[in-house]
PDB file of all heavy atoms in Angstrom:
ATOM      1  N   ARG A   1      17.019  15.258   3.977  1.00  0.00           N
ATOM      2  CA  ARG A   1      16.027  15.335   2.913  1.00  0.00           C
ATOM      3  C   ARG A   1      16.360  16.460   1.942  1.00  0.00           C
ATOM      4  O   ARG A   1      16.951  17.465   2.335  1.00  0.00           O
ATOM      5  CB  ARG A   1      14.637  15.588   3.511  1.00  0.00           C
ATOM      6  CG  ARG A   1      14.205  14.518   4.490  1.00  0.00           C
ATOM      7  CD  ARG A   1      12.864  14.832   5.105  1.00  0.00           C
ATOM      8  NE  ARG A   1      12.457  13.815   6.061  1.00  0.00           N
ATOM      9  CZ  ARG A   1      11.314  13.814   6.719  1.00  0.00           C
ATOM     10  NH1 ARG A   1      10.446  14.808   6.529  1.00  0.00           N
ATOM     11  NH2 ARG A   1      11.019  12.841   7.565  1.00  0.00           N
ATOM     12  N   PRO A   2      15.965  16.291   0.672  1.00  0.00           N
ATOM     13  CA  PRO A   2      16.096  17.414  -0.274  1.00  0.00           C
ATOM     14  C   PRO A   2      15.137  18.528   0.118  1.00  0.00           C
ATOM     15  O   PRO A   2      14.157  18.301   0.836  1.00  0.00           O
ATOM     16  CB  PRO A   2      15.713  16.786  -1.619  1.00  0.00           C
ATOM     17  CG  PRO A   2      14.841  15.637  -1.245  1.00  0.00           C
ATOM     18  CD  PRO A   2      15.372  15.102   0.049  1.00  0.00           C
ATOM     19  N   ARG A   3      15.402  19.731  -0.340  1.00  0.00           N
ATOM     20  CA  ARG A   3      14.540  20.865  -0.001  1.00  0.00           C
ATOM     21  C   ARG A   3      13.128  20.682  -0.540  1.00  0.00           C
ATOM     22  O   ARG A   3      12.165  21.140   0.063  1.00  0.00           O
ATOM     23  CB  ARG A   3      15.146  22.162  -0.550  1.00  0.00           C
ATOM     24  CG  ARG A   3      16.441  22.558   0.152  1.00  0.00           C
ATOM     25  CD  ARG A   3      16.853  23.986  -0.216  1.00  0.00           C
ATOM     26  NE  ARG A   3      18.066  24.347   0.496  1.00  0.00           N
ATOM     27  CZ  ARG A   3      19.283  24.245  -0.021  1.00  0.00           C
ATOM     28  NH1 ARG A   3      19.430  23.792  -1.263  1.00  0.00           N
ATOM     29  NH2 ARG A   3      20.355  24.597   0.682  1.00  0.00           N
ATOM     30  N   GLU A   4      13.028  20.031  -1.674  1.00  0.00           N
ATOM     31  CA  GLU A   4      11.718  19.738  -2.261  1.00  0.00           C
ATOM     32  C   GLU A   4      11.643  18.246  -2.566  1.00  0.00           C
ATOM     33  O   GLU A   4      12.564  17.688  -3.181  1.00  0.00           O
ATOM     34  CB  GLU A   4      11.514  20.496  -3.569  1.00  0.00           C
ATOM     35  CG  GLU A   4      11.289  21.976  -3.439  1.00  0.00           C
ATOM     36  CD  GLU A   4      10.984  22.572  -4.798  1.00  0.00           C
ATOM     37  OE1 GLU A   4       9.826  22.495  -5.241  1.00  0.00           O
ATOM     38  OE2 GLU A   4      11.924  23.091  -5.415  1.00  0.00           O
ATOM     39  N   ARG A   5      10.567  17.626  -2.152  1.00  0.00           N
ATOM     40  CA  ARG A   5      10.372  16.234  -2.522  1.00  0.00           C
ATOM     41  C   ARG A   5       8.881  15.939  -2.581  1.00  0.00           C
ATOM     42  O   ARG A   5       8.067  16.556  -1.896  1.00  0.00           O
ATOM     43  CB  ARG A   5      11.057  15.280  -1.547  1.00  0.00           C
ATOM     44  CG  ARG A   5      10.433  15.228  -0.158  1.00  0.00           C
ATOM     45  CD  ARG A   5      11.063  14.152   0.695  1.00  0.00           C
ATOM     46  NE  ARG A   5      10.374  14.021   1.973  1.00  0.00           N
ATOM     47  CZ  ARG A   5      10.619  13.069   2.859  1.00  0.00           C
ATOM     48  NH1 ARG A   5      11.563  12.175   2.605  1.00  0.00           N
ATOM     49  NH2 ARG A   5       9.934  13.000   3.978  1.00  0.00           N
ATOM     50  N   LEU A   6       8.544  14.995  -3.430  1.00  0.00           N
ATOM     51  CA  LEU A   6       7.174  14.506  -3.529  1.00  0.00           C
ATOM     52  C   LEU A   6       7.246  12.994  -3.421  1.00  0.00           C
ATOM     53  O   LEU A   6       7.976  12.343  -4.184  1.00  0.00           O
ATOM     54  CB  LEU A   6       6.548  14.913  -4.865  1.00  0.00           C
ATOM     55  CG  LEU A   6       5.116  14.421  -5.104  1.00  0.00           C
ATOM     56  CD1 LEU A   6       4.151  15.058  -4.092  1.00  0.00           C
ATOM     57  CD2 LEU A   6       4.665  14.728  -6.524  1.00  0.00           C
ATOM     58  N   ILE A   7       6.501  12.434  -2.467  1.00  0.00           N
ATOM     59  CA  ILE A   7       6.487  10.988  -2.258  1.00  0.00           C
ATOM     60  C   ILE A   7       5.145  10.446  -2.692  1.00  0.00           C
ATOM     61  O   ILE A   7       4.094  10.954  -2.287  1.00  0.00           O
ATOM     62  CB  ILE A   7       6.759  10.642  -0.785  1.00  0.00           C
ATOM     63  CG1 ILE A   7       8.114  11.213  -0.336  1.00  0.00           C
ATOM     64  CG2 ILE A   7       6.729   9.128  -0.580  1.00  0.00           C
ATOM     65  CD1 ILE A   7       8.396  11.010   1.137  1.00  0.00           C
ATOM     66  N   LEU A   8       5.167   9.400  -3.500  1.00  0.00           N
ATOM     67  CA  LEU A   8       3.933   8.794  -3.983  1.00  0.00           C
ATOM     68  C   LEU A   8       3.979   7.291  -3.727  1.00  0.00           C
ATOM     69  O   LEU A   8       4.816   6.571  -4.274  1.00  0.00           O
ATOM     70  CB  LEU A   8       3.752   9.061  -5.478  1.00  0.00           C
ATOM     71  CG  LEU A   8       2.477   8.516  -6.123  1.00  0.00           C
ATOM     72  CD1 LEU A   8       1.233   9.079  -5.432  1.00  0.00           C
ATOM     73  CD2 LEU A   8       2.455   8.843  -7.614  1.00  0.00           C
ATOM     74  N   ARG A   9       3.075   6.827  -2.892  1.00  0.00           N
ATOM     75  CA  ARG A   9       2.971   5.408  -2.575  1.00  0.00           C
ATOM     76  C   ARG A   9       2.091   4.725  -3.617  1.00  0.00           C
ATOM     77  O   ARG A   9       1.063   5.262  -4.025  1.00  0.00           O
ATOM     78  CB  ARG A   9       2.375   5.240  -1.172  1.00  0.00           C
ATOM     79  CG  ARG A   9       2.541   3.866  -0.563  1.00  0.00           C
ATOM     80  CD  ARG A   9       2.065   3.886   0.880  1.00  0.00           C
ATOM     81  NE  ARG A   9       0.621   4.053   0.936  1.00  0.00           N
ATOM     82  CZ  ARG A   9      -0.236   3.129   1.379  1.00  0.00           C
ATOM     83  NH1 ARG A   9       0.225   1.971   1.818  1.00  0.00           N
ATOM     84  NH2 ARG A   9      -1.523   3.356   1.414  1.00  0.00           N
ATOM     85  N   TYR A  10       2.495   3.546  -4.045  1.00  0.00           N
ATOM     86  CA  TYR A  10       1.780   2.829  -5.096  1.00  0.00           C
ATOM     87  C   TYR A  10       0.313   2.619  -4.740  1.00  0.00           C
ATOM     88  O   TYR A  10      -0.572   2.775  -5.589  1.00  0.00           O
ATOM     89  CB  TYR A  10       2.459   1.477  -5.340  1.00  0.00           C
ATOM     90  CG  TYR A  10       1.788   0.636  -6.398  1.00  0.00           C
ATOM     91  CD1 TYR A  10       2.079   0.815  -7.745  1.00  0.00           C
ATOM     92  CD2 TYR A  10       0.867  -0.355  -6.049  1.00  0.00           C
ATOM     93  CE1 TYR A  10       1.470   0.039  -8.720  1.00  0.00           C
ATOM     94  CE2 TYR A  10       0.251  -1.129  -7.015  1.00  0.00           C
ATOM     95  CZ  TYR A  10       0.560  -0.934  -8.349  1.00  0.00           C
ATOM     96  OH  TYR A  10      -0.056  -1.706  -9.309  1.00  0.00           O
ATOM     97  N   GLU A  11       0.055   2.284  -3.495  1.00  0.00           N
ATOM     98  CA  GLU A  11      -1.322   2.021  -3.073  1.00  0.00           C
ATOM     99  C   GLU A  11      -2.197   3.275  -3.172  1.00  0.00           C
ATOM    100  O   GLU A  11      -3.403   3.174  -3.418  1.00  0.00           O
ATOM    101  CB  GLU A  11      -1.343   1.468  -1.656  1.00  0.00           C
ATOM    102  CG  GLU A  11      -0.888   0.023  -1.542  1.00  0.00           C
ATOM    103  CD  GLU A  11       0.615  -0.170  -1.680  1.00  0.00           C
ATOM    104  OE1 GLU A  11       1.372   0.826  -1.566  1.00  0.00           O
ATOM    105  OE2 GLU A  11       1.053  -1.321  -1.902  1.00  0.00           O
ATOM    106  N   ASP A  12      -1.591   4.438  -2.992  1.00  0.00           N
ATOM    107  CA  ASP A  12      -2.328   5.693  -3.168  1.00  0.00           C
ATOM    108  C   ASP A  12      -2.494   6.019  -4.652  1.00  0.00           C
ATOM    109  O   ASP A  12      -3.547   6.491  -5.084  1.00  0.00           O
ATOM    110  CB  ASP A  12      -1.615   6.832  -2.449  1.00  0.00           C
ATOM    111  CG  ASP A  12      -1.559   6.617  -0.941  1.00  0.00           C
ATOM    112  OD1 ASP A  12      -2.530   6.067  -0.394  1.00  0.00           O
ATOM    113  OD2 ASP A  12      -0.546   6.996  -0.330  1.00  0.00           O
ATOM    114  N   LEU A  13      -1.432   5.769  -5.423  1.00  0.00           N
ATOM    115  CA  LEU A  13      -1.479   6.011  -6.867  1.00  0.00           C
ATOM    116  C   LEU A  13      -2.618   5.239  -7.513  1.00  0.00           C
ATOM    117  O   LEU A  13      -3.322   5.761  -8.386  1.00  0.00           O
ATOM    118  CB  LEU A  13      -0.139   5.601  -7.492  1.00  0.00           C
ATOM    119  CG  LEU A  13      -0.077   5.504  -9.014  1.00  0.00           C
ATOM    120  CD1 LEU A  13      -0.267   6.864  -9.654  1.00  0.00           C
ATOM    121  CD2 LEU A  13       1.249   4.882  -9.451  1.00  0.00           C
ATOM    122  N   THR A  14      -2.815   3.988  -7.107  1.00  0.00           N
ATOM    123  CA  THR A  14      -3.810   3.135  -7.745  1.00  0.00           C
ATOM    124  C   THR A  14      -5.169   3.164  -7.037  1.00  0.00           C
ATOM    125  O   THR A  14      -6.051   2.366  -7.345  1.00  0.00           O
ATOM    126  CB  THR A  14      -3.300   1.678  -7.804  1.00  0.00           C
ATOM    127  OG1 THR A  14      -2.932   1.243  -6.477  1.00  0.00           O
ATOM    128  CG2 THR A  14      -2.093   1.572  -8.718  1.00  0.00           C
ATOM    129  N   SER A  15      -5.328   4.083  -6.097  1.00  0.00           N
ATOM    130  CA  SER A  15      -6.604   4.231  -5.407  1.00  0.00           C
ATOM    131  C   SER A  15      -7.516   5.159  -6.199  1.00  0.00           C
ATOM    132  O   SER A  15      -7.142   5.678  -7.257  1.00  0.00           O
ATOM    133  CB  SER A  15      -6.388   4.790  -3.996  1.00  0.00           C
ATOM    134  OG  SER A  15      -6.024   6.162  -4.061  1.00  0.00           O
ATOM    135  N   GLU A  16      -8.699   5.421  -5.654  1.00  0.00           N
ATOM    136  CA  GLU A  16      -9.634   6.330  -6.321  1.00  0.00           C
ATOM    137  C   GLU A  16      -9.105   7.764  -6.340  1.00  0.00           C
ATOM    138  O   GLU A  16      -9.613   8.606  -7.079  1.00  0.00           O
ATOM    139  CB  GLU A  16     -10.997   6.277  -5.635  1.00  0.00           C
ATOM    140  CG  GLU A  16     -10.974   6.676  -4.169  1.00  0.00           C
ATOM    141  CD  GLU A  16     -12.324   6.535  -3.499  1.00  0.00           C
ATOM    142  OE1 GLU A  16     -13.212   5.870  -4.076  1.00  0.00           O
ATOM    143  OE2 GLU A  16     -12.488   7.095  -2.401  1.00  0.00           O
ATOM    144  N   ARG A  17      -8.070   8.042  -5.535  1.00  0.00           N
ATOM    145  CA  ARG A  17      -7.459   9.367  -5.498  1.00  0.00           C
ATOM    146  C   ARG A  17      -6.319   9.502  -6.503  1.00  0.00           C
ATOM    147  O   ARG A  17      -5.640  10.513  -6.557  1.00  0.00           O
ATOM    148  CB  ARG A  17      -6.928   9.659  -4.089  1.00  0.00           C
ATOM    149  CG  ARG A  17      -7.974   9.657  -3.010  1.00  0.00           C
ATOM    150  CD  ARG A  17      -7.343   9.741  -1.615  1.00  0.00           C
ATOM    151  NE  ARG A  17      -6.503  10.913  -1.466  1.00  0.00           N
ATOM    152  CZ  ARG A  17      -5.213  10.867  -1.124  1.00  0.00           C
ATOM    153  NH1 ARG A  17      -4.610   9.712  -0.918  1.00  0.00           N
ATOM    154  NH2 ARG A  17      -4.521  11.978  -0.987  1.00  0.00           N
ATOM    155  N   GLY A  18      -6.095   8.466  -7.312  1.00  0.00           N
ATOM    156  CA  GLY A  18      -4.933   8.423  -8.178  1.00  0.00           C
ATOM    157  C   GLY A  18      -4.789   9.609  -9.107  1.00  0.00           C
ATOM    158  O   GLY A  18      -3.714  10.207  -9.222  1.00  0.00           O
ATOM    159  N   VAL A  19      -5.864   9.997  -9.778  1.00  0.00           N
ATOM    160  CA  VAL A  19      -5.798  11.120 -10.725  1.00  0.00           C
ATOM    161  C   VAL A  19      -5.473  12.412  -9.990  1.00  0.00           C
ATOM    162  O   VAL A  19      -4.674  13.234 -10.467  1.00  0.00           O
ATOM    163  CB  VAL A  19      -7.124  11.256 -11.499  1.00  0.00           C
ATOM    164  CG1 VAL A  19      -7.087  12.494 -12.383  1.00  0.00           C
ATOM    165  CG2 VAL A  19      -7.373  10.023 -12.348  1.00  0.00           C
ATOM    166  N   TYR A  20      -6.058  12.590  -8.828  1.00  0.00           N
ATOM    167  CA  TYR A  20      -5.775  13.783  -8.019  1.00  0.00           C
ATOM    168  C   TYR A  20      -4.294  13.839  -7.642  1.00  0.00           C
ATOM    169  O   TYR A  20      -3.657  14.898  -7.725  1.00  0.00           O
ATOM    170  CB  TYR A  20      -6.644  13.764  -6.765  1.00  0.00           C
ATOM    171  CG  TYR A  20      -6.291  14.812  -5.733  1.00  0.00           C
ATOM    172  CD1 TYR A  20      -6.700  16.137  -5.883  1.00  0.00           C
ATOM    173  CD2 TYR A  20      -5.538  14.470  -4.608  1.00  0.00           C
ATOM    174  CE1 TYR A  20      -6.366  17.096  -4.936  1.00  0.00           C
ATOM    175  CE2 TYR A  20      -5.205  15.431  -3.659  1.00  0.00           C
ATOM    176  CZ  TYR A  20      -5.624  16.726  -3.828  1.00  0.00           C
ATOM    177  OH  TYR A  20      -5.277  17.675  -2.890  1.00  0.00           O
ATOM    178  N   LEU A  21      -3.736  12.690  -7.267  1.00  0.00           N
ATOM    179  CA  LEU A  21      -2.335  12.658  -6.861  1.00  0.00           C
ATOM    180  C   LEU A  21      -1.400  12.858  -8.047  1.00  0.00           C
ATOM    181  O   LEU A  21      -0.345  13.481  -7.919  1.00  0.00           O
ATOM    182  CB  LEU A  21      -2.027  11.336  -6.154  1.00  0.00           C
ATOM    183  CG  LEU A  21      -2.774  11.136  -4.834  1.00  0.00           C
ATOM    184  CD1 LEU A  21      -2.530   9.736  -4.282  1.00  0.00           C
ATOM    185  CD2 LEU A  21      -2.348  12.184  -3.808  1.00  0.00           C
ATOM    186  N   ILE A  22      -1.772  12.334  -9.208  1.00  0.00           N
ATOM    187  CA  ILE A  22      -0.947  12.557 -10.395  1.00  0.00           C
ATOM    188  C   ILE A  22      -1.004  14.020 -10.811  1.00  0.00           C
ATOM    189  O   ILE A  22      -0.039  14.551 -11.372  1.00  0.00           O
ATOM    190  CB  ILE A  22      -1.371  11.611 -11.531  1.00  0.00           C
ATOM    191  CG1 ILE A  22      -1.027  10.165 -11.151  1.00  0.00           C
ATOM    192  CG2 ILE A  22      -0.680  11.976 -12.838  1.00  0.00           C
ATOM    193  CD1 ILE A  22      -1.337   9.147 -12.220  1.00  0.00           C
ATOM    194  N   SER A  23      -2.097  14.702 -10.501  1.00  0.00           N
ATOM    195  CA  SER A  23      -2.135  16.153 -10.736  1.00  0.00           C
ATOM    196  C   SER A  23      -1.039  16.844  -9.935  1.00  0.00           C
ATOM    197  O   SER A  23      -0.396  17.782 -10.424  1.00  0.00           O
ATOM    198  CB  SER A  23      -3.502  16.722 -10.336  1.00  0.00           C
ATOM    199  OG  SER A  23      -4.529  16.247 -11.158  1.00  0.00           O
ATOM    200  N   ASP A  24      -0.819  16.358  -8.703  1.00  0.00           N
ATOM    201  CA  ASP A  24       0.267  16.908  -7.893  1.00  0.00           C
ATOM    202  C   ASP A  24       1.624  16.628  -8.538  1.00  0.00           C
ATOM    203  O   ASP A  24       2.541  17.462  -8.482  1.00  0.00           O
ATOM    204  CB  ASP A  24       0.237  16.302  -6.485  1.00  0.00           C
ATOM    205  CG  ASP A  24      -0.937  16.790  -5.656  1.00  0.00           C
ATOM    206  OD1 ASP A  24      -1.512  17.841  -6.002  1.00  0.00           O
ATOM    207  OD2 ASP A  24      -1.276  16.122  -4.664  1.00  0.00           O
ATOM    208  N   VAL A  25       1.763  15.449  -9.150  1.00  0.00           N
ATOM    209  CA  VAL A  25       3.012  15.103  -9.836  1.00  0.00           C
ATOM    210  C   VAL A  25       3.233  16.048 -11.011  1.00  0.00           C
ATOM    211  O   VAL A  25       4.351  16.548 -11.218  1.00  0.00           O
ATOM    212  CB  VAL A  25       2.986  13.635 -10.311  1.00  0.00           C
ATOM    213  CG1 VAL A  25       4.260  13.313 -11.103  1.00  0.00           C
ATOM    214  CG2 VAL A  25       2.837  12.684  -9.130  1.00  0.00           C
ATOM    215  N   ILE A  26       2.182  16.303 -11.774  1.00  0.00           N
ATOM    216  CA  ILE A  26       2.284  17.229 -12.913  1.00  0.00           C
ATOM    217  C   ILE A  26       2.774  18.596 -12.442  1.00  0.00           C
ATOM    218  O   ILE A  26       3.690  19.191 -13.029  1.00  0.00           O
ATOM    219  CB  ILE A  26       0.915  17.374 -13.611  1.00  0.00           C
ATOM    220  CG1 ILE A  26       0.446  16.040 -14.205  1.00  0.00           C
ATOM    221  CG2 ILE A  26       0.969  18.470 -14.675  1.00  0.00           C
ATOM    222  CD1 ILE A  26       1.244  15.548 -15.360  1.00  0.00           C
ATOM    223  N   ARG A  27       2.171  19.094 -11.361  1.00  0.00           N
ATOM    224  CA  ARG A  27       2.566  20.411 -10.847  1.00  0.00           C
ATOM    225  C   ARG A  27       3.969  20.392 -10.244  1.00  0.00           C
ATOM    226  O   ARG A  27       4.643  21.427 -10.218  1.00  0.00           O
ATOM    227  CB  ARG A  27       1.540  20.884  -9.809  1.00  0.00           C
ATOM    228  CG  ARG A  27       0.255  21.417 -10.422  1.00  0.00           C
ATOM    229  CD  ARG A  27      -0.654  22.017  -9.371  1.00  0.00           C
ATOM    230  NE  ARG A  27      -1.265  20.989  -8.542  1.00  0.00           N
ATOM    231  CZ  ARG A  27      -2.440  20.426  -8.795  1.00  0.00           C
ATOM    232  NH1 ARG A  27      -3.145  20.807  -9.853  1.00  0.00           N
ATOM    233  NH2 ARG A  27      -2.935  19.497  -7.993  1.00  0.00           N
ATOM    234  N   PHE A  28       4.404  19.243  -9.771  1.00  0.00           N
ATOM    235  CA  PHE A  28       5.756  19.136  -9.216  1.00  0.00           C
ATOM    236  C   PHE A  28       6.797  19.311 -10.319  1.00  0.00           C
ATOM    237  O   PHE A  28       7.851  19.902 -10.103  1.00  0.00           O
ATOM    238  CB  PHE A  28       5.926  17.783  -8.526  1.00  0.00           C
ATOM    239  CG  PHE A  28       7.157  17.671  -7.669  1.00  0.00           C
ATOM    240  CD1 PHE A  28       7.269  18.389  -6.494  1.00  0.00           C
ATOM    241  CD2 PHE A  28       8.206  16.839  -8.038  1.00  0.00           C
ATOM    242  CE1 PHE A  28       8.396  18.293  -5.694  1.00  0.00           C
ATOM    243  CE2 PHE A  28       9.339  16.729  -7.248  1.00  0.00           C
ATOM    244  CZ  PHE A  28       9.435  17.455  -6.072  1.00  0.00           C
ATOM    245  N   PHE A  29       6.485  18.800 -11.505  1.00  0.00           N
ATOM    246  CA  PHE A  29       7.398  18.936 -12.638  1.00  0.00           C
ATOM    247  C   PHE A  29       7.262  20.287 -13.321  1.00  0.00           C
ATOM    248  O   PHE A  29       8.240  20.819 -13.849  1.00  0.00           O
ATOM    249  CB  PHE A  29       7.146  17.820 -13.657  1.00  0.00           C
ATOM    250  CG  PHE A  29       7.796  16.521 -13.302  1.00  0.00           C
ATOM    251  CD1 PHE A  29       7.198  15.641 -12.416  1.00  0.00           C
ATOM    252  CD2 PHE A  29       9.031  16.172 -13.836  1.00  0.00           C
ATOM    253  CE1 PHE A  29       7.798  14.448 -12.069  1.00  0.00           C
ATOM    254  CE2 PHE A  29       9.646  14.979 -13.503  1.00  0.00           C
ATOM    255  CZ  PHE A  29       9.021  14.107 -12.613  1.00  0.00           C
TER     256      PHE A  29
END
């Protein structure tokens, strides 16, 4: 595995938690 990775499953992305998870994506970048 890479030292840093973020995994996002489509079913989680499109769930009610989607905005929260995309916040994690923003912070990852």
